[in-house]
Amino acid sequence: MVIVLRFVDAKGFIQERFFDIIHVEDTTSKTLYSAIRSALSFYKFPIQNLRGQGYDGASNMRGEWNGLQELFLKDSPQAYYVHCMAHRLQLSLVAAARDVFWVHEFFTHLSSIVTAVTGSCKRQDQLEAAEASKIALQLATCEIETRKGANQKILGTTDMLCVALQRKSQDILSAIRLVESTKKLLSEVREKEWDSLLADVIAFCKKHDIEALDLSAPFFRGRSIRKRDVTNEHHYHYDVFNAAIDVQIAELESRFNDRVVELLKLSSSLVPKDGYKTRSTLLLSVSLQRSIILLIFQKRKWIH
């Protein structure tokens, strides 16, 4: 197990340093807790001085009852657990590719193709040469653009968010706002971009002499003679396109909606570079929350 420490130095700058590598017999929360605690105590680092802890999303790490984060919170209530924002996004995208059967099947076949190509240096070189020639021709004829994510659809919508969450200079509040805007963009893609995507697919098939699927025909699953009472267009529109976006939006809602995100929003009000507008809004929010809590306590007192 690797331990990395983040701290503020004497000049007020955030530093991150490798601390130690520890051998552990298993990965249960109690074993990891004892190992980390022993390592910190050996180097005279009081547990009570911890102000944050960050792990992956495994249940033994982030569990709110018996997870590693909860064990440390008992020693230091100020050591809030923060799940890496970029990792949250990755898990959201993985869920969208795993939970929708048709998307999962597509990536399974794609993985097999990639394995077959990369298993041979000759095949890989031939494919790269052919792709480079095609891209050069498309750029020369202005058929495609060179900006990142320009030729993607659903995954292209989350590309900007992915880059932002991994940027060292990105502040948390801006990242959270970008999460919200990404969810709105995905919703707009779901409602408005199907026809555009379908037109692109049909144009691609015509350009490369690929027989296009009859969208008005009944949908068949694989080689089965059984059919559903829906057309091909209905299947790919609602069972694949909409379903993948719905899962992605739901995952973003779930993984970026907890008390730590709210804490990060409030703590960002201490950053002076954004002026007073954001801080005033957040302070007003805190004031309203306190007023509501006071009303609740008063109501309970009246009831008693």
C-alpha atoms as a PDB file:
ATOM      1  CA  MET A   1       0.000   0.000   0.000  1.00  0.00           C
ATOM      2  CA  VAL A   2       1.328   3.401  -1.018  1.00  0.00           C
ATOM      3  CA  ILE A   3       0.839   6.451   1.220  1.00  0.00           C
ATOM      4  CA  VAL A   4       1.058   9.957  -0.254  1.00  0.00           C
ATOM      5  CA  LEU A   5       0.758  13.110   1.861  1.00  0.00           C
ATOM      6  CA  ARG A   6      -0.617  16.486   0.786  1.00  0.00           C
ATOM      7  CA  PHE A   7       0.201  19.438   2.995  1.00  0.00           C
ATOM      8  CA  VAL A   8       0.580  23.204   3.066  1.00  0.00           C
ATOM      9  CA  ASP A   9       4.188  24.334   3.469  1.00  0.00           C
ATOM     10  CA  ALA A  10       5.476  27.319   5.440  1.00  0.00           C
ATOM     11  CA  LYS A  11       4.971  29.609   2.415  1.00  0.00           C
ATOM     12  CA  GLY A  12       1.327  28.615   1.990  1.00  0.00           C
ATOM     13  CA  PHE A  13       1.782  26.400  -1.083  1.00  0.00           C
ATOM     14  CA  ILE A  14       0.154  22.979  -1.409  1.00  0.00           C
ATOM     15  CA  GLN A  15       2.725  20.199  -1.697  1.00  0.00           C
ATOM     16  CA  GLU A  16       2.326  16.504  -2.428  1.00  0.00           C
ATOM     17  CA  ARG A  17       4.998  13.991  -1.476  1.00  0.00           C
ATOM     18  CA  PHE A  18       5.454  10.238  -1.525  1.00  0.00           C
ATOM     19  CA  PHE A  19       5.548   9.071   2.087  1.00  0.00           C
ATOM     20  CA  ASP A  20       5.847   5.305   2.455  1.00  0.00           C
ATOM     21  CA  ILE A  21       5.149   1.840   1.054  1.00  0.00           C
ATOM     22  CA  ILE A  22       3.653  -0.614   3.518  1.00  0.00           C
ATOM     23  CA  HIS A  23       3.106  -4.348   3.186  1.00  0.00           C
ATOM     24  CA  VAL A  24      -0.390  -5.453   4.216  1.00  0.00           C
ATOM     25  CA  GLU A  25      -1.730  -8.989   4.550  1.00  0.00           C
ATOM     26  CA  ASP A  26      -5.186  -8.093   3.236  1.00  0.00           C
ATOM     27  CA  THR A  27      -7.180  -5.060   2.122  1.00  0.00           C
ATOM     28  CA  THR A  28      -9.866  -4.953   4.806  1.00  0.00           C
ATOM     29  CA  SER A  29     -10.547  -1.500   6.216  1.00  0.00           C
ATOM     30  CA  LYS A  30      -9.284  -2.438   9.704  1.00  0.00           C
ATOM     31  CA  THR A  31      -5.971  -3.771   8.360  1.00  0.00           C
ATOM     32  CA  LEU A  32      -5.380  -0.672   6.222  1.00  0.00           C
ATOM     33  CA  TYR A  33      -6.379   1.608   9.093  1.00  0.00           C
ATOM     34  CA  SER A  34      -3.919  -0.024  11.498  1.00  0.00           C
ATOM     35  CA  ALA A  35      -1.102   0.095   8.934  1.00  0.00           C
ATOM     36  CA  ILE A  36      -1.596   3.775   8.073  1.00  0.00           C
ATOM     37  CA  ARG A  37      -2.003   4.761  11.716  1.00  0.00           C
ATOM     38  CA  SER A  38       1.195   2.916  12.676  1.00  0.00           C
ATOM     39  CA  ALA A  39       3.164   4.553   9.867  1.00  0.00           C
ATOM     40  CA  LEU A  40       1.999   8.052  10.790  1.00  0.00           C
ATOM     41  CA  SER A  41       2.644   7.472  14.493  1.00  0.00           C
ATOM     42  CA  PHE A  42       6.146   6.142  13.784  1.00  0.00           C
ATOM     43  CA  TYR A  43       7.050   9.431  12.085  1.00  0.00           C
ATOM     44  CA  LYS A  44       5.346  11.524  14.799  1.00  0.00           C
ATOM     45  CA  PHE A  45       2.377  12.635  12.696  1.00  0.00           C
ATOM     46  CA  PRO A  46      -0.670  12.941  15.017  1.00  0.00           C
ATOM     47  CA  ILE A  47      -3.850  11.451  13.589  1.00  0.00           C
ATOM     48  CA  GLN A  48      -5.789  14.384  15.034  1.00  0.00           C
ATOM     49  CA  ASN A  49      -4.045  16.741  12.595  1.00  0.00           C
ATOM     50  CA  LEU A  50      -5.530  15.082   9.513  1.00  0.00           C
ATOM     51  CA  ARG A  51      -7.793  17.394   7.508  1.00  0.00           C
ATOM     52  CA  GLY A  52      -8.576  15.202   4.526  1.00  0.00           C
ATOM     53  CA  GLN A  53      -8.351  11.668   3.159  1.00  0.00           C
ATOM     54  CA  GLY A  54      -8.694  10.415  -0.390  1.00  0.00           C
ATOM     55  CA  TYR A  55      -9.075   6.867  -1.745  1.00  0.00           C
ATOM     56  CA  ASP A  56     -10.786   5.158  -4.639  1.00  0.00           C
ATOM     57  CA  GLY A  57     -14.467   4.251  -4.670  1.00  0.00           C
ATOM     58  CA  ALA A  58     -14.190   0.702  -3.275  1.00  0.00           C
ATOM     59  CA  SER A  59     -16.595  -0.084  -0.435  1.00  0.00           C
ATOM     60  CA  ASN A  60     -13.812  -0.994   1.998  1.00  0.00           C
ATOM     61  CA  MET A  61     -12.348   2.503   1.478  1.00  0.00           C
ATOM     62  CA  ARG A  62     -15.337   4.831   1.209  1.00  0.00           C
ATOM     63  CA  GLY A  63     -17.911   2.901   3.259  1.00  0.00           C
ATOM     64  CA  GLU A  64     -19.776   5.243   5.610  1.00  0.00           C
ATOM     65  CA  TRP A  65     -20.160   2.606   8.346  1.00  0.00           C
ATOM     66  CA  ASN A  66     -17.126   0.329   8.328  1.00  0.00           C
ATOM     67  CA  GLY A  67     -14.973   1.854   5.603  1.00  0.00           C
ATOM     68  CA  LEU A  68     -11.459   3.201   6.053  1.00  0.00           C
ATOM     69  CA  GLN A  69     -12.686   6.801   5.829  1.00  0.00           C
ATOM     70  CA  GLU A  70     -15.109   6.261   8.725  1.00  0.00           C
ATOM     71  CA  LEU A  71     -12.423   4.748  10.955  1.00  0.00           C
ATOM     72  CA  PHE A  72     -10.258   7.840  10.507  1.00  0.00           C
ATOM     73  CA  LEU A  73     -13.220  10.171  11.004  1.00  0.00           C
ATOM     74  CA  LYS A  74     -13.649   8.724  14.499  1.00  0.00           C
ATOM     75  CA  ASP A  75     -10.120   9.933  15.335  1.00  0.00           C
ATOM     76  CA  SER A  76     -10.276  13.186  13.390  1.00  0.00           C
ATOM     77  CA  PRO A  77     -13.794  14.440  12.481  1.00  0.00           C
ATOM     78  CA  GLN A  78     -12.216  17.150  10.296  1.00  0.00           C
ATOM     79  CA  ALA A  79     -10.585  14.602   7.957  1.00  0.00           C
ATOM     80  CA  TYR A  80     -13.284  14.660   5.262  1.00  0.00           C
ATOM     81  CA  TYR A  81     -13.097  11.926   2.665  1.00  0.00           C
ATOM     82  CA  VAL A  82     -12.889  13.189  -0.921  1.00  0.00           C
ATOM     83  CA  HIS A  83     -13.258  10.778  -3.807  1.00  0.00           C
ATOM     84  CA  CYS A  84     -11.126  11.835  -6.787  1.00  0.00           C
ATOM     85  CA  MET A  85     -13.361  13.827  -9.156  1.00  0.00           C
ATOM     86  CA  ALA A  86     -11.704  12.434 -12.290  1.00  0.00           C
ATOM     87  CA  HIS A  87     -12.167   8.889 -10.978  1.00  0.00           C
ATOM     88  CA  ARG A  88     -15.851   9.617 -10.318  1.00  0.00           C
ATOM     89  CA  LEU A  89     -16.254  10.627 -13.955  1.00  0.00           C
ATOM     90  CA  GLN A  90     -14.427   7.513 -15.108  1.00  0.00           C
ATOM     91  CA  LEU A  91     -16.762   5.307 -13.049  1.00  0.00           C
ATOM     92  CA  SER A  92     -19.756   7.145 -14.517  1.00  0.00           C
ATOM     93  CA  LEU A  93     -18.576   6.448 -18.066  1.00  0.00           C
ATOM     94  CA  VAL A  94     -17.752   2.828 -17.234  1.00  0.00           C
ATOM     95  CA  ALA A  95     -21.248   2.362 -15.820  1.00  0.00           C
ATOM     96  CA  ALA A  96     -22.790   3.748 -19.009  1.00  0.00           C
ATOM     97  CA  ALA A  97     -20.742   1.285 -21.062  1.00  0.00           C
ATOM     98  CA  ARG A  98     -21.457  -1.636 -18.732  1.00  0.00           C
ATOM     99  CA  ASP A  99     -25.097  -1.292 -17.707  1.00  0.00           C
ATOM    100  CA  VAL A 100     -26.518  -0.855 -21.217  1.00  0.00           C
ATOM    101  CA  PHE A 101     -26.244  -4.304 -22.803  1.00  0.00           C
ATOM    102  CA  TRP A 102     -25.894  -3.119 -26.406  1.00  0.00           C
ATOM    103  CA  VAL A 103     -23.145  -0.632 -25.540  1.00  0.00           C
ATOM    104  CA  HIS A 104     -21.335  -3.266 -23.483  1.00  0.00           C
ATOM    105  CA  GLU A 105     -21.527  -5.720 -26.381  1.00  0.00           C
ATOM    106  CA  PHE A 106     -20.117  -3.104 -28.760  1.00  0.00           C
ATOM    107  CA  PHE A 107     -17.096  -2.363 -26.573  1.00  0.00           C
ATOM    108  CA  THR A 108     -16.521  -6.101 -26.037  1.00  0.00           C
ATOM    109  CA  HIS A 109     -16.258  -6.643 -29.794  1.00  0.00           C
ATOM    110  CA  LEU A 110     -14.145  -3.499 -30.140  1.00  0.00           C
ATOM    111  CA  SER A 111     -11.744  -4.772 -27.484  1.00  0.00           C
ATOM    112  CA  SER A 112     -11.356  -8.044 -29.379  1.00  0.00           C
ATOM    113  CA  ILE A 113     -10.590  -6.163 -32.596  1.00  0.00           C
ATOM    114  CA  VAL A 114      -8.000  -3.977 -30.858  1.00  0.00           C
ATOM    115  CA  THR A 115      -6.369  -7.059 -29.325  1.00  0.00           C
ATOM    116  CA  ALA A 116      -6.181  -8.759 -32.722  1.00  0.00           C
ATOM    117  CA  VAL A 117      -4.611  -5.696 -34.365  1.00  0.00           C
ATOM    118  CA  THR A 118      -2.134  -4.833 -31.627  1.00  0.00           C
ATOM    119  CA  GLY A 119      -1.059  -8.471 -31.342  1.00  0.00           C
ATOM    120  CA  SER A 120       0.850  -8.109 -34.607  1.00  0.00           C
ATOM    121  CA  CYS A 121       3.348  -5.310 -35.214  1.00  0.00           C
ATOM    122  CA  LYS A 122       2.867  -5.714 -38.985  1.00  0.00           C
ATOM    123  CA  ARG A 123      -0.918  -5.352 -38.785  1.00  0.00           C
ATOM    124  CA  GLN A 124      -0.595  -2.415 -36.433  1.00  0.00           C
ATOM    125  CA  ASP A 125       1.871  -0.563 -38.702  1.00  0.00           C
ATOM    126  CA  GLN A 126      -0.322  -1.152 -41.767  1.00  0.00           C
ATOM    127  CA  LEU A 127      -3.423   0.125 -39.979  1.00  0.00           C
ATOM    128  CA  GLU A 128      -1.625   3.220 -38.628  1.00  0.00           C
ATOM    129  CA  ALA A 129      -0.232   4.033 -42.088  1.00  0.00           C
ATOM    130  CA  ALA A 130      -3.643   3.674 -43.723  1.00  0.00           C
ATOM    131  CA  GLU A 131      -5.312   5.802 -41.026  1.00  0.00           C
ATOM    132  CA  ALA A 132      -2.639   8.505 -41.256  1.00  0.00           C
ATOM    133  CA  SER A 133      -3.114   8.739 -45.033  1.00  0.00           C
ATOM    134  CA  LYS A 134      -6.899   8.981 -44.651  1.00  0.00           C
ATOM    135  CA  ILE A 135      -6.673  11.711 -41.987  1.00  0.00           C
ATOM    136  CA  ALA A 136      -4.174  13.705 -44.055  1.00  0.00           C
ATOM    137  CA  LEU A 137      -6.548  13.600 -47.038  1.00  0.00           C
ATOM    138  CA  GLN A 138      -9.558  14.627 -44.914  1.00  0.00           C
ATOM    139  CA  LEU A 139      -7.635  17.525 -43.381  1.00  0.00           C
ATOM    140  CA  ALA A 140      -6.490  18.687 -46.819  1.00  0.00           C
ATOM    141  CA  THR A 141     -10.075  18.731 -48.085  1.00  0.00           C
ATOM    142  CA  CYS A 142     -11.344  20.363 -44.835  1.00  0.00           C
ATOM    143  CA  GLU A 143     -13.576  17.351 -44.279  1.00  0.00           C
ATOM    144  CA  ILE A 144     -12.596  17.132 -40.592  1.00  0.00           C
ATOM    145  CA  GLU A 145     -11.221  19.517 -37.969  1.00  0.00           C
ATOM    146  CA  THR A 146      -8.184  18.994 -35.787  1.00  0.00           C
ATOM    147  CA  ARG A 147      -9.481  20.202 -32.421  1.00  0.00           C
ATOM    148  CA  LYS A 148      -9.744  17.567 -29.709  1.00  0.00           C
ATOM    149  CA  GLY A 149     -13.092  15.795 -29.503  1.00  0.00           C
ATOM    150  CA  ALA A 150     -14.332  17.364 -32.749  1.00  0.00           C
ATOM    151  CA  ASN A 151     -15.303  14.044 -34.340  1.00  0.00           C
ATOM    152  CA  GLN A 152     -17.012  12.375 -31.363  1.00  0.00           C
ATOM    153  CA  LYS A 153     -20.602  12.287 -30.101  1.00  0.00           C
ATOM    154  CA  ILE A 154     -21.635  11.220 -26.576  1.00  0.00           C
ATOM    155  CA  LEU A 155     -18.080  10.700 -25.273  1.00  0.00           C
ATOM    156  CA  GLY A 156     -17.030  13.975 -26.853  1.00  0.00           C
ATOM    157  CA  THR A 157     -19.518  15.769 -24.606  1.00  0.00           C
ATOM    158  CA  THR A 158     -17.694  14.554 -21.500  1.00  0.00           C
ATOM    159  CA  ASP A 159     -14.192  15.066 -22.914  1.00  0.00           C
ATOM    160  CA  MET A 160     -13.946  18.689 -21.741  1.00  0.00           C
ATOM    161  CA  LEU A 161     -15.061  17.695 -18.250  1.00  0.00           C
ATOM    162  CA  CYS A 162     -12.527  14.850 -18.178  1.00  0.00           C
ATOM    163  CA  VAL A 163      -9.674  17.204 -19.061  1.00  0.00           C
ATOM    164  CA  ALA A 164     -10.827  19.851 -16.553  1.00  0.00           C
ATOM    165  CA  LEU A 165     -11.053  17.444 -13.627  1.00  0.00           C
ATOM    166  CA  GLN A 166      -7.444  16.354 -14.166  1.00  0.00           C
ATOM    167  CA  ARG A 167      -6.061  19.883 -14.556  1.00  0.00           C
ATOM    168  CA  LYS A 168      -3.928  20.941 -11.587  1.00  0.00           C
ATOM    169  CA  SER A 169      -4.921  24.593 -11.928  1.00  0.00           C
ATOM    170  CA  GLN A 170      -8.667  23.823 -12.008  1.00  0.00           C
ATOM    171  CA  ASP A 171     -10.520  25.015  -8.919  1.00  0.00           C
ATOM    172  CA  ILE A 172     -13.215  22.799  -7.465  1.00  0.00           C
ATOM    173  CA  LEU A 173     -16.098  25.229  -7.882  1.00  0.00           C
ATOM    174  CA  SER A 174     -15.442  25.571 -11.621  1.00  0.00           C
ATOM    175  CA  ALA A 175     -15.235  21.784 -11.917  1.00  0.00           C
ATOM    176  CA  ILE A 176     -18.589  21.364 -10.180  1.00  0.00           C
ATOM    177  CA  ARG A 177     -20.133  23.952 -12.503  1.00  0.00           C
ATOM    178  CA  LEU A 178     -18.685  22.058 -15.452  1.00  0.00           C
ATOM    179  CA  VAL A 179     -20.328  18.870 -14.178  1.00  0.00           C
ATOM    180  CA  GLU A 180     -23.688  20.642 -14.168  1.00  0.00           C
ATOM    181  CA  SER A 181     -23.173  22.048 -17.662  1.00  0.00           C
ATOM    182  CA  THR A 182     -22.113  18.601 -18.913  1.00  0.00           C
ATOM    183  CA  LYS A 183     -25.359  17.095 -17.619  1.00  0.00           C
ATOM    184  CA  LYS A 184     -27.307  19.802 -19.425  1.00  0.00           C
ATOM    185  CA  LEU A 185     -25.370  19.185 -22.642  1.00  0.00           C
ATOM    186  CA  LEU A 186     -26.059  15.453 -22.419  1.00  0.00           C
ATOM    187  CA  SER A 187     -29.752  16.190 -21.970  1.00  0.00           C
ATOM    188  CA  GLU A 188     -29.679  18.404 -25.050  1.00  0.00           C
ATOM    189  CA  VAL A 189     -27.884  15.698 -27.040  1.00  0.00           C
ATOM    190  CA  ARG A 190     -30.564  13.222 -25.966  1.00  0.00           C
ATOM    191  CA  GLU A 191     -33.426  15.476 -27.022  1.00  0.00           C
ATOM    192  CA  LYS A 192     -32.031  17.093 -30.179  1.00  0.00           C
ATOM    193  CA  GLU A 193     -29.052  15.222 -31.639  1.00  0.00           C
ATOM    194  CA  TRP A 194     -30.512  11.841 -32.644  1.00  0.00           C
ATOM    195  CA  ASP A 195     -31.536  12.961 -36.122  1.00  0.00           C
ATOM    196  CA  SER A 196     -28.126  14.554 -36.683  1.00  0.00           C
ATOM    197  CA  LEU A 197     -26.319  11.409 -35.531  1.00  0.00           C
ATOM    198  CA  LEU A 198     -28.506   9.234 -37.736  1.00  0.00           C
ATOM    199  CA  ALA A 199     -27.775  11.449 -40.751  1.00  0.00           C
ATOM    200  CA  ASP A 200     -24.032  11.163 -40.066  1.00  0.00           C
ATOM    201  CA  VAL A 201     -24.253   7.368 -39.866  1.00  0.00           C
ATOM    202  CA  ILE A 202     -26.188   7.117 -43.146  1.00  0.00           C
ATOM    203  CA  ALA A 203     -23.702   9.467 -44.856  1.00  0.00           C
ATOM    204  CA  PHE A 204     -20.803   7.367 -43.546  1.00  0.00           C
ATOM    205  CA  CYS A 205     -22.357   4.174 -44.905  1.00  0.00           C
ATOM    206  CA  LYS A 206     -22.903   5.731 -48.335  1.00  0.00           C
ATOM    207  CA  LYS A 207     -19.367   7.102 -48.498  1.00  0.00           C
ATOM    208  CA  HIS A 208     -17.763   3.738 -47.702  1.00  0.00           C
ATOM    209  CA  ASP A 209     -20.202   1.574 -49.695  1.00  0.00           C
ATOM    210  CA  ILE A 210     -21.619  -0.043 -46.577  1.00  0.00           C
ATOM    211  CA  GLU A 211     -25.109  -1.456 -46.792  1.00  0.00           C
ATOM    212  CA  ALA A 212     -27.216   0.688 -44.488  1.00  0.00           C
ATOM    213  CA  LEU A 213     -29.649  -0.968 -42.117  1.00  0.00           C
ATOM    214  CA  ASP A 214     -33.320  -0.672 -43.011  1.00  0.00           C
ATOM    215  CA  LEU A 215     -34.492   1.442 -40.091  1.00  0.00           C
ATOM    216  CA  SER A 216     -38.167   0.767 -40.741  1.00  0.00           C
ATOM    217  CA  ALA A 217     -37.733  -3.027 -40.624  1.00  0.00           C
ATOM    218  CA  PRO A 218     -38.504  -5.037 -37.441  1.00  0.00           C
ATOM    219  CA  PHE A 219     -35.596  -5.378 -35.053  1.00  0.00           C
ATOM    220  CA  PHE A 220     -33.962  -8.815 -34.704  1.00  0.00           C
ATOM    221  CA  ARG A 221     -31.512  -9.670 -31.932  1.00  0.00           C
ATOM    222  CA  GLY A 222     -28.467 -11.330 -33.458  1.00  0.00           C
ATOM    223  CA  ARG A 223     -29.267 -14.387 -35.566  1.00  0.00           C
ATOM    224  CA  SER A 224     -32.426 -15.175 -33.656  1.00  0.00           C
ATOM    225  CA  ILE A 225     -35.610 -15.521 -35.685  1.00  0.00           C
ATOM    226  CA  ARG A 226     -37.508 -13.975 -32.798  1.00  0.00           C
ATOM    227  CA  LYS A 227     -38.274 -10.340 -33.220  1.00  0.00           C
ATOM    228  CA  ARG A 228     -39.545  -7.559 -31.054  1.00  0.00           C
ATOM    229  CA  ASP A 229     -42.508  -5.476 -32.010  1.00  0.00           C
ATOM    230  CA  VAL A 230     -40.288  -2.446 -32.678  1.00  0.00           C
ATOM    231  CA  THR A 231     -38.383  -1.121 -35.660  1.00  0.00           C
ATOM    232  CA  ASN A 232     -34.618  -0.902 -35.959  1.00  0.00           C
ATOM    233  CA  GLU A 233     -34.778   2.862 -35.592  1.00  0.00           C
ATOM    234  CA  HIS A 234     -36.814   2.595 -32.376  1.00  0.00           C
ATOM    235  CA  HIS A 235     -34.331   0.103 -30.936  1.00  0.00           C
ATOM    236  CA  TYR A 236     -31.203   2.113 -31.668  1.00  0.00           C
ATOM    237  CA  HIS A 237     -32.849   5.404 -30.699  1.00  0.00           C
ATOM    238  CA  TYR A 238     -34.416   4.413 -27.383  1.00  0.00           C
ATOM    239  CA  ASP A 239     -32.709   1.169 -26.307  1.00  0.00           C
ATOM    240  CA  VAL A 240     -29.180   2.276 -27.160  1.00  0.00           C
ATOM    241  CA  PHE A 241     -28.795   6.038 -27.689  1.00  0.00           C
ATOM    242  CA  ASN A 242     -31.240   7.306 -25.053  1.00  0.00           C
ATOM    243  CA  ALA A 243     -30.464   4.497 -22.618  1.00  0.00           C
ATOM    244  CA  ALA A 244     -26.713   5.206 -22.669  1.00  0.00           C
ATOM    245  CA  ILE A 245     -27.250   8.919 -22.050  1.00  0.00           C
ATOM    246  CA  ASP A 246     -29.802   8.266 -19.290  1.00  0.00           C
ATOM    247  CA  VAL A 247     -27.372   6.010 -17.425  1.00  0.00           C
ATOM    248  CA  GLN A 248     -24.587   8.538 -17.842  1.00  0.00           C
ATOM    249  CA  ILE A 249     -26.693  11.408 -16.481  1.00  0.00           C
ATOM    250  CA  ALA A 250     -27.916   9.255 -13.585  1.00  0.00           C
ATOM    251  CA  GLU A 251     -24.347   8.268 -12.705  1.00  0.00           C
ATOM    252  CA  LEU A 252     -23.196  11.897 -12.776  1.00  0.00           C
ATOM    253  CA  GLU A 253     -26.111  12.819 -10.496  1.00  0.00           C
ATOM    254  CA  SER A 254     -25.215  10.034  -8.087  1.00  0.00           C
ATOM    255  CA  ARG A 255     -21.430  10.384  -7.989  1.00  0.00           C
ATOM    256  CA  PHE A 256     -21.285  14.202  -7.844  1.00  0.00           C
ATOM    257  CA  ASN A 257     -24.065  14.741  -5.326  1.00  0.00           C
ATOM    258  CA  ASP A 258     -22.970  14.253  -1.717  1.00  0.00           C
ATOM    259  CA  ARG A 259     -21.964  16.202   1.364  1.00  0.00           C
ATOM    260  CA  VAL A 260     -18.323  16.399   0.302  1.00  0.00           C
ATOM    261  CA  VAL A 261     -19.260  18.212  -2.913  1.00  0.00           C
ATOM    262  CA  GLU A 262     -21.311  20.653  -0.854  1.00  0.00           C
ATOM    263  CA  LEU A 263     -18.346  21.073   1.498  1.00  0.00           C
ATOM    264  CA  LEU A 264     -16.056  21.820  -1.437  1.00  0.00           C
ATOM    265  CA  LYS A 265     -18.513  24.403  -2.735  1.00  0.00           C
ATOM    266  CA  LEU A 266     -18.595  26.147   0.624  1.00  0.00           C
ATOM    267  CA  SER A 267     -14.820  25.986   1.143  1.00  0.00           C
ATOM    268  CA  SER A 268     -14.279  27.491  -2.310  1.00  0.00           C
ATOM    269  CA  SER A 269     -15.872  30.689  -0.989  1.00  0.00           C
ATOM    270  CA  LEU A 270     -12.612  31.265   0.887  1.00  0.00           C
ATOM    271  CA  VAL A 271     -10.722  31.678  -2.414  1.00  0.00           C
ATOM    272  CA  PRO A 272     -10.470  35.438  -3.096  1.00  0.00           C
ATOM    273  CA  LYS A 273      -9.710  35.324  -6.832  1.00  0.00           C
ATOM    274  CA  ASP A 274     -13.360  34.939  -7.878  1.00  0.00           C
ATOM    275  CA  GLY A 275     -14.483  38.142  -6.193  1.00  0.00           C
ATOM    276  CA  TYR A 276     -17.390  38.494  -3.831  1.00  0.00           C
ATOM    277  CA  LYS A 277     -20.258  37.309  -6.022  1.00  0.00           C
ATOM    278  CA  THR A 278     -19.742  33.584  -5.473  1.00  0.00           C
ATOM    279  CA  ARG A 279     -18.897  33.988  -1.802  1.00  0.00           C
ATOM    280  CA  SER A 280     -21.968  36.129  -1.184  1.00  0.00           C
ATOM    281  CA  THR A 281     -24.191  33.511  -2.821  1.00  0.00           C
ATOM    282  CA  LEU A 282     -22.657  30.701  -0.804  1.00  0.00           C
ATOM    283  CA  LEU A 283     -22.787  32.664   2.447  1.00  0.00           C
ATOM    284  CA  LEU A 284     -26.440  33.411   1.762  1.00  0.00           C
ATOM    285  CA  SER A 285     -27.002  29.689   1.230  1.00  0.00           C
ATOM    286  CA  VAL A 286     -25.305  28.900   4.545  1.00  0.00           C
ATOM    287  CA  SER A 287     -27.384  31.586   6.269  1.00  0.00           C
ATOM    288  CA  LEU A 288     -30.599  30.085   4.887  1.00  0.00           C
ATOM    289  CA  GLN A 289     -29.542  26.614   5.992  1.00  0.00           C
ATOM    290  CA  ARG A 290     -28.884  27.883   9.524  1.00  0.00           C
ATOM    291  CA  SER A 291     -32.274  29.617   9.600  1.00  0.00           C
ATOM    292  CA  ILE A 292     -34.003  26.397   8.538  1.00  0.00           C
ATOM    293  CA  ILE A 293     -32.156  24.411  11.215  1.00  0.00           C
ATOM    294  CA  LEU A 294     -33.160  26.959  13.876  1.00  0.00           C
ATOM    295  CA  LEU A 295     -36.800  26.746  12.765  1.00  0.00           C
ATOM    296  CA  ILE A 296     -36.666  22.954  12.975  1.00  0.00           C
ATOM    297  CA  PHE A 297     -35.291  23.079  16.524  1.00  0.00           C
ATOM    298  CA  GLN A 298     -37.883  25.661  17.538  1.00  0.00           C
ATOM    299  CA  LYS A 299     -40.649  23.509  16.081  1.00  0.00           C
ATOM    300  CA  ARG A 300     -39.423  20.506  18.039  1.00  0.00           C
ATOM    301  CA  LYS A 301     -39.306  22.602  21.200  1.00  0.00           C
ATOM    302  CA  TRP A 302     -42.891  23.759  20.649  1.00  0.00           C
ATOM    303  CA  ILE A 303     -43.999  20.144  20.084  1.00  0.00           C
ATOM    304  CA  HIS A 304     -42.380  19.011  23.337  1.00  0.00           C
END
